[in-house]
PDB file of all heavy atoms in Angstrom:
ATOM      1  N   SER A   1      32.101-132.229  97.235  1.00  0.00           N
ATOM      2  CA  SER A   1      31.673-130.819  96.903  1.00  0.00           C
ATOM      3  C   SER A   1      32.773-129.896  97.377  1.00  0.00           C
ATOM      4  O   SER A   1      33.163-129.883  98.514  1.00  0.00           O
ATOM      5  CB  SER A   1      30.326-130.471  97.525  1.00  0.00           C
ATOM      6  OG  SER A   1      29.323-131.296  97.051  1.00  0.00           O
ATOM      7  N   VAL A   2      33.197-128.970  96.453  1.00  0.00           N
ATOM      8  CA  VAL A   2      34.103-127.902  96.779  1.00  0.00           C
ATOM      9  C   VAL A   2      33.335-126.650  96.925  1.00  0.00           C
ATOM     10  O   VAL A   2      32.642-126.266  95.999  1.00  0.00           O
ATOM     11  CB  VAL A   2      35.198-127.758  95.656  1.00  0.00           C
ATOM     12  CG1 VAL A   2      36.218-126.664  96.081  1.00  0.00           C
ATOM     13  CG2 VAL A   2      35.944-129.102  95.483  1.00  0.00           C
ATOM     14  N   ILE A   3      33.303-125.989  98.102  1.00  0.00           N
ATOM     15  CA  ILE A   3      32.553-124.822  98.350  1.00  0.00           C
ATOM     16  C   ILE A   3      33.351-123.578  98.152  1.00  0.00           C
ATOM     17  O   ILE A   3      34.486-123.461  98.714  1.00  0.00           O
ATOM     18  CB  ILE A   3      31.950-124.877  99.809  1.00  0.00           C
ATOM     19  CG1 ILE A   3      31.111-126.128 100.001  1.00  0.00           C
ATOM     20  CG2 ILE A   3      31.191-123.623 100.084  1.00  0.00           C
ATOM     21  CD1 ILE A   3      30.769-126.403 101.416  1.00  0.00           C
ATOM     22  N   HIS A   4      32.873-122.635  97.365  1.00  0.00           N
ATOM     23  CA  HIS A   4      33.449-121.309  97.181  1.00  0.00           C
ATOM     24  C   HIS A   4      32.705-120.349  97.911  1.00  0.00           C
ATOM     25  O   HIS A   4      31.428-120.214  97.777  1.00  0.00           O
ATOM     26  CB  HIS A   4      33.581-120.995  95.650  1.00  0.00           C
ATOM     27  CG  HIS A   4      34.693-121.680  94.991  1.00  0.00           C
ATOM     28  ND1 HIS A   4      35.419-121.070  93.964  1.00  0.00           N
ATOM     29  CD2 HIS A   4      35.209-122.946  95.100  1.00  0.00           C
ATOM     30  CE1 HIS A   4      36.326-121.916  93.496  1.00  0.00           C
ATOM     31  NE2 HIS A   4      36.242-123.011  94.170  1.00  0.00           N
ATOM     32  N   ARG A   5      33.376-119.463  98.666  1.00  0.00           N
ATOM     33  CA  ARG A   5      32.658-118.353  99.396  1.00  0.00           C
ATOM     34  C   ARG A   5      32.142-117.281  98.454  1.00  0.00           C
ATOM     35  O   ARG A   5      31.051-116.768  98.695  1.00  0.00           O
ATOM     36  CB  ARG A   5      33.667-117.721 100.386  1.00  0.00           C
ATOM     37  CG  ARG A   5      33.088-116.516 101.192  1.00  0.00           C
ATOM     38  CD  ARG A   5      34.144-116.059 102.119  1.00  0.00           C
ATOM     39  NE  ARG A   5      33.763-114.833 102.802  1.00  0.00           N
ATOM     40  CZ  ARG A   5      33.114-114.802 103.937  1.00  0.00           C
ATOM     41  NH1 ARG A   5      32.808-115.991 104.566  1.00  0.00           N
ATOM     42  NH2 ARG A   5      32.791-113.712 104.604  1.00  0.00           N
ATOM     43  N   GLU A   6      32.914-116.886  97.484  1.00  0.00           N
ATOM     44  CA  GLU A   6      32.612-115.825  96.542  1.00  0.00           C
ATOM     45  C   GLU A   6      32.653-116.376  95.093  1.00  0.00           C
ATOM     46  O   GLU A   6      33.355-117.375  94.822  1.00  0.00           O
ATOM     47  CB  GLU A   6      33.557-114.654  96.643  1.00  0.00           C
ATOM     48  CG  GLU A   6      33.699-114.198  98.057  1.00  0.00           C
ATOM     49  CD  GLU A   6      32.560-113.249  98.570  1.00  0.00           C
ATOM     50  OE1 GLU A   6      31.666-112.982  97.751  1.00  0.00           O
ATOM     51  OE2 GLU A   6      32.599-112.818  99.711  1.00  0.00           O
ATOM     52  N   PHE A   7      31.964-115.676  94.176  1.00  0.00           N
ATOM     53  CA  PHE A   7      31.979-116.023  92.805  1.00  0.00           C
ATOM     54  C   PHE A   7      33.158-115.289  92.179  1.00  0.00           C
ATOM     55  O   PHE A   7      33.068-114.124  91.901  1.00  0.00           O
ATOM     56  CB  PHE A   7      30.691-115.678  92.145  1.00  0.00           C
ATOM     57  CG  PHE A   7      30.680-115.870  90.666  1.00  0.00           C
ATOM     58  CD1 PHE A   7      30.810-117.230  90.119  1.00  0.00           C
ATOM     59  CD2 PHE A   7      30.576-114.861  89.764  1.00  0.00           C
ATOM     60  CE1 PHE A   7      30.773-117.376  88.780  1.00  0.00           C
ATOM     61  CE2 PHE A   7      30.574-115.017  88.385  1.00  0.00           C
ATOM     62  CZ  PHE A   7      30.643-116.296  87.913  1.00  0.00           C
ATOM     63  N   GLU A   8      34.248-116.061  91.877  1.00  0.00           N
ATOM     64  CA  GLU A   8      35.409-115.490  91.228  1.00  0.00           C
ATOM     65  C   GLU A   8      35.678-116.396  90.070  1.00  0.00           C
ATOM     66  O   GLU A   8      36.239-117.536  90.192  1.00  0.00           O
ATOM     67  CB  GLU A   8      36.619-115.513  92.135  1.00  0.00           C
ATOM     68  CG  GLU A   8      36.518-114.551  93.285  1.00  0.00           C
ATOM     69  CD  GLU A   8      36.617-113.056  92.899  1.00  0.00           C
ATOM     70  OE1 GLU A   8      37.035-112.829  91.701  1.00  0.00           O
ATOM     71  OE2 GLU A   8      36.269-112.144  93.642  1.00  0.00           O
ATOM     72  N   PRO A   9      35.289-116.020  88.807  1.00  0.00           N
ATOM     73  CA  PRO A   9      35.379-116.901  87.629  1.00  0.00           C
ATOM     74  C   PRO A   9      36.725-117.586  87.439  1.00  0.00           C
ATOM     75  O   PRO A   9      36.810-118.808  87.230  1.00  0.00           O
ATOM     76  CB  PRO A   9      35.068-116.031  86.513  1.00  0.00           C
ATOM     77  CG  PRO A   9      34.179-114.941  87.088  1.00  0.00           C
ATOM     78  CD  PRO A   9      34.713-114.699  88.402  1.00  0.00           C
ATOM     79  N   THR A  10      37.855-116.860  87.594  1.00  0.00           N
ATOM     80  CA  THR A  10      39.173-117.582  87.416  1.00  0.00           C
ATOM     81  C   THR A  10      39.403-118.587  88.430  1.00  0.00           C
ATOM     82  O   THR A  10      40.025-119.690  88.148  1.00  0.00           O
ATOM     83  CB  THR A  10      40.294-116.499  87.322  1.00  0.00           C
ATOM     84  OG1 THR A  10      40.250-115.707  88.612  1.00  0.00           O
ATOM     85  CG2 THR A  10      40.125-115.601  86.194  1.00  0.00           C
ATOM     86  N   ASN A  11      38.965-118.334  89.755  1.00  0.00           N
ATOM     87  CA  ASN A  11      39.108-119.322  90.787  1.00  0.00           C
ATOM     88  C   ASN A  11      38.329-120.633  90.453  1.00  0.00           C
ATOM     89  O   ASN A  11      38.804-121.763  90.773  1.00  0.00           O
ATOM     90  CB  ASN A  11      38.720-118.804  92.124  1.00  0.00           C
ATOM     91  CG  ASN A  11      39.693-117.715  92.645  1.00  0.00           C
ATOM     92  OD1 ASN A  11      40.802-117.619  92.105  1.00  0.00           O
ATOM     93  ND2 ASN A  11      39.265-116.996  93.600  1.00  0.00           N
ATOM     94  N   ILE A  12      37.133-120.380  89.864  1.00  0.00           N
ATOM     95  CA  ILE A  12      36.318-121.546  89.578  1.00  0.00           C
ATOM     96  C   ILE A  12      36.927-122.376  88.472  1.00  0.00           C
ATOM     97  O   ILE A  12      37.065-123.638  88.522  1.00  0.00           O
ATOM     98  CB  ILE A  12      34.915-121.048  89.124  1.00  0.00           C
ATOM     99  CG1 ILE A  12      34.163-120.529  90.309  1.00  0.00           C
ATOM    100  CG2 ILE A  12      34.115-122.205  88.435  1.00  0.00           C
ATOM    101  CD1 ILE A  12      32.881-119.823  90.028  1.00  0.00           C
ATOM    102  N   LEU A  13      37.512-121.744  87.430  1.00  0.00           N
ATOM    103  CA  LEU A  13      38.161-122.472  86.369  1.00  0.00           C
ATOM    104  C   LEU A  13      39.373-123.179  86.902  1.00  0.00           C
ATOM    105  O   LEU A  13      39.617-124.339  86.448  1.00  0.00           O
ATOM    106  CB  LEU A  13      38.518-121.487  85.255  1.00  0.00           C
ATOM    107  CG  LEU A  13      37.401-120.879  84.477  1.00  0.00           C
ATOM    108  CD1 LEU A  13      37.912-119.755  83.538  1.00  0.00           C
ATOM    109  CD2 LEU A  13      36.652-121.964  83.703  1.00  0.00           C
ATOM    110  N   SER A  14      40.038-122.576  87.819  1.00  0.00           N
ATOM    111  CA  SER A  14      41.276-123.300  88.317  1.00  0.00           C
ATOM    112  C   SER A  14      40.917-124.510  89.165  1.00  0.00           C
ATOM    113  O   SER A  14      41.502-125.546  89.111  1.00  0.00           O
ATOM    114  CB  SER A  14      42.067-122.315  89.228  1.00  0.00           C
ATOM    115  OG  SER A  14      42.639-121.209  88.517  1.00  0.00           O
ATOM    116  N   THR A  15      39.776-124.357  89.945  1.00  0.00           N
ATOM    117  CA  THR A  15      39.296-125.515  90.717  1.00  0.00           C
ATOM    118  C   THR A  15      38.789-126.638  89.838  1.00  0.00           C
ATOM    119  O   THR A  15      39.110-127.859  90.112  1.00  0.00           O
ATOM    120  CB  THR A  15      38.128-125.053  91.682  1.00  0.00           C
ATOM    121  OG1 THR A  15      38.617-124.049  92.538  1.00  0.00           O
ATOM    122  CG2 THR A  15      37.578-126.296  92.488  1.00  0.00           C
ATOM    123  N   ILE A  16      38.087-126.307  88.734  1.00  0.00           N
ATOM    124  CA  ILE A  16      37.636-127.362  87.867  1.00  0.00           C
ATOM    125  C   ILE A  16      38.888-128.118  87.303  1.00  0.00           C
ATOM    126  O   ILE A  16      38.833-129.329  87.226  1.00  0.00           O
ATOM    127  CB  ILE A  16      36.872-126.701  86.658  1.00  0.00           C
ATOM    128  CG1 ILE A  16      35.566-126.109  87.048  1.00  0.00           C
ATOM    129  CG2 ILE A  16      36.648-127.822  85.507  1.00  0.00           C
ATOM    130  CD1 ILE A  16      34.852-125.336  85.995  1.00  0.00           C
ATOM    131  N   GLN A  17      39.933-127.440  86.963  1.00  0.00           N
ATOM    132  CA  GLN A  17      41.139-128.064  86.450  1.00  0.00           C
ATOM    133  C   GLN A  17      41.889-128.949  87.529  1.00  0.00           C
ATOM    134  O   GLN A  17      42.187-130.063  87.260  1.00  0.00           O
ATOM    135  CB  GLN A  17      42.111-127.005  85.872  1.00  0.00           C
ATOM    136  CG  GLN A  17      43.402-127.502  85.376  1.00  0.00           C
ATOM    137  CD  GLN A  17      44.215-126.414  84.692  1.00  0.00           C
ATOM    138  OE1 GLN A  17      43.997-126.086  83.551  1.00  0.00           O
ATOM    139  NE2 GLN A  17      45.194-125.836  85.418  1.00  0.00           N
ATOM    140  N   THR A  18      42.049-128.392  88.687  1.00  0.00           N
ATOM    141  CA  THR A  18      42.850-129.038  89.685  1.00  0.00           C
ATOM    142  C   THR A  18      42.090-130.133  90.371  1.00  0.00           C
ATOM    143  O   THR A  18      42.657-131.261  90.705  1.00  0.00           O
ATOM    144  CB  THR A  18      43.342-128.085  90.718  1.00  0.00           C
ATOM    145  OG1 THR A  18      42.323-127.384  91.344  1.00  0.00           O
ATOM    146  CG2 THR A  18      44.288-127.048  90.182  1.00  0.00           C
ATOM    147  N   GLN A  19      40.797-129.997  90.602  1.00  0.00           N
ATOM    148  CA  GLN A  19      39.979-131.000  91.269  1.00  0.00           C
ATOM    149  C   GLN A  19      39.198-131.928  90.353  1.00  0.00           C
ATOM    150  O   GLN A  19      38.541-132.852  90.835  1.00  0.00           O
ATOM    151  CB  GLN A  19      38.980-130.300  92.237  1.00  0.00           C
ATOM    152  CG  GLN A  19      39.607-129.468  93.327  1.00  0.00           C
ATOM    153  CD  GLN A  19      40.289-130.411  94.353  1.00  0.00           C
ATOM    154  OE1 GLN A  19      40.013-131.558  94.510  1.00  0.00           O
ATOM    155  NE2 GLN A  19      41.158-129.738  95.230  1.00  0.00           N
ATOM    156  N   GLN A  20      39.358-131.701  88.983  1.00  0.00           N
ATOM    157  CA  GLN A  20      38.722-132.532  88.025  1.00  0.00           C
ATOM    158  C   GLN A  20      37.112-132.529  88.336  1.00  0.00           C
ATOM    159  O   GLN A  20      36.503-133.592  88.473  1.00  0.00           O
ATOM    160  CB  GLN A  20      39.250-133.928  88.035  1.00  0.00           C
ATOM    161  CG  GLN A  20      40.625-134.000  87.445  1.00  0.00           C
ATOM    162  CD  GLN A  20      40.708-133.608  86.006  1.00  0.00           C
ATOM    163  OE1 GLN A  20      40.322-134.395  85.138  1.00  0.00           O
ATOM    164  NE2 GLN A  20      41.249-132.409  85.705  1.00  0.00           N
ATOM    165  N   ILE A  21      36.616-131.312  88.395  1.00  0.00           N
ATOM    166  CA  ILE A  21      35.219-131.158  88.756  1.00  0.00           C
ATOM    167  C   ILE A  21      34.282-131.640  87.585  1.00  0.00           C
ATOM    168  O   ILE A  21      34.578-131.438  86.462  1.00  0.00           O
ATOM    169  CB  ILE A  21      34.852-129.700  89.018  1.00  0.00           C
ATOM    170  CG1 ILE A  21      35.667-129.192  90.344  1.00  0.00           C
ATOM    171  CG2 ILE A  21      33.387-129.443  89.261  1.00  0.00           C
ATOM    172  CD1 ILE A  21      35.319-129.949  91.570  1.00  0.00           C
ATOM    173  N   ASN A  22      33.147-132.330  87.972  1.00  0.00           N
ATOM    174  CA  ASN A  22      32.284-132.828  86.970  1.00  0.00           C
ATOM    175  C   ASN A  22      31.041-132.009  86.690  1.00  0.00           C
ATOM    176  O   ASN A  22      30.409-132.131  85.674  1.00  0.00           O
ATOM    177  CB  ASN A  22      31.747-134.243  87.393  1.00  0.00           C
ATOM    178  CG  ASN A  22      32.880-135.176  87.812  1.00  0.00           C
ATOM    179  OD1 ASN A  22      32.875-135.841  88.886  1.00  0.00           O
ATOM    180  ND2 ASN A  22      33.898-135.292  86.940  1.00  0.00           N
ATOM    181  N   GLY A  23      30.666-131.184  87.646  1.00  0.00           N
ATOM    182  CA  GLY A  23      29.468-130.387  87.403  1.00  0.00           C
ATOM    183  C   GLY A  23      29.342-129.183  88.308  1.00  0.00           C
ATOM    184  O   GLY A  23      30.031-129.092  89.311  1.00  0.00           O
ATOM    185  N   MET A  24      28.378-128.299  88.044  1.00  0.00           N
ATOM    186  CA  MET A  24      28.223-127.091  88.850  1.00  0.00           C
ATOM    187  C   MET A  24      26.902-126.336  88.419  1.00  0.00           C
ATOM    188  O   MET A  24      26.479-126.348  87.284  1.00  0.00           O
ATOM    189  CB  MET A  24      29.425-126.143  88.465  1.00  0.00           C
ATOM    190  CG  MET A  24      29.347-124.752  89.107  1.00  0.00           C
ATOM    191  SD  MET A  24      30.974-123.934  88.840  1.00  0.00           S
ATOM    192  CE  MET A  24      31.063-123.929  87.005  1.00  0.00           C
ATOM    193  N   PHE A  25      26.256-125.757  89.424  1.00  0.00           N
ATOM    194  CA  PHE A  25      25.016-124.996  89.265  1.00  0.00           C
ATOM    195  C   PHE A  25      25.437-123.510  89.286  1.00  0.00           C
ATOM    196  O   PHE A  25      26.024-123.035  90.241  1.00  0.00           O
ATOM    197  CB  PHE A  25      23.981-125.307  90.293  1.00  0.00           C
ATOM    198  CG  PHE A  25      22.895-124.281  90.349  1.00  0.00           C
ATOM    199  CD1 PHE A  25      21.865-124.323  89.402  1.00  0.00           C
ATOM    200  CD2 PHE A  25      22.877-123.270  91.328  1.00  0.00           C
ATOM    201  CE1 PHE A  25      20.844-123.376  89.410  1.00  0.00           C
ATOM    202  CE2 PHE A  25      21.886-122.312  91.263  1.00  0.00           C
ATOM    203  CZ  PHE A  25      20.830-122.366  90.408  1.00  0.00           C
ATOM    204  N   LEU A  26      24.975-122.748  88.288  1.00  0.00           N
ATOM    205  CA  LEU A  26      25.098-121.332  88.266  1.00  0.00           C
ATOM    206  C   LEU A  26      23.845-120.716  87.588  1.00  0.00           C
ATOM    207  O   LEU A  26      23.259-121.365  86.753  1.00  0.00           O
ATOM    208  CB  LEU A  26      26.329-120.880  87.452  1.00  0.00           C
ATOM    209  CG  LEU A  26      27.726-121.390  87.919  1.00  0.00           C
ATOM    210  CD1 LEU A  26      28.769-120.870  86.911  1.00  0.00           C
ATOM    211  CD2 LEU A  26      28.078-120.777  89.298  1.00  0.00           C
ATOM    212  N   VAL A  27      23.610-119.413  87.899  1.00  0.00           N
ATOM    213  CA  VAL A  27      22.547-118.686  87.168  1.00  0.00           C
ATOM    214  C   VAL A  27      23.197-118.164  85.881  1.00  0.00           C
ATOM    215  O   VAL A  27      24.469-118.146  85.773  1.00  0.00           O
ATOM    216  CB  VAL A  27      22.012-117.495  87.991  1.00  0.00           C
ATOM    217  CG1 VAL A  27      21.440-118.081  89.270  1.00  0.00           C
ATOM    218  CG2 VAL A  27      23.165-116.521  88.376  1.00  0.00           C
ATOM    219  N   PRO A  28      22.370-117.829  84.898  1.00  0.00           N
ATOM    220  CA  PRO A  28      22.942-117.499  83.494  1.00  0.00           C
ATOM    221  C   PRO A  28      23.969-116.389  83.632  1.00  0.00           C
ATOM    222  O   PRO A  28      24.953-116.449  82.879  1.00  0.00           O
ATOM    223  CB  PRO A  28      21.659-117.041  82.822  1.00  0.00           C
ATOM    224  CG  PRO A  28      20.568-117.786  83.410  1.00  0.00           C
ATOM    225  CD  PRO A  28      20.924-117.915  84.865  1.00  0.00           C
ATOM    226  N   SER A  29      23.780-115.353  84.387  1.00  0.00           N
ATOM    227  CA  SER A  29      24.745-114.241  84.441  1.00  0.00           C
ATOM    228  C   SER A  29      26.156-114.787  84.955  1.00  0.00           C
ATOM    229  O   SER A  29      27.191-114.245  84.448  1.00  0.00           O
ATOM    230  CB  SER A  29      24.296-113.051  85.299  1.00  0.00           C
ATOM    231  OG  SER A  29      24.069-113.550  86.714  1.00  0.00           O
TER     232      SER A  29
END
């Protein structure tokens, strides 16, 4: 699990790419 302190969309996309993330929980917004 990679933990992010804040919700930053571009950081999340970068992490998915570099860490080859398989899944994630988010609210609709």
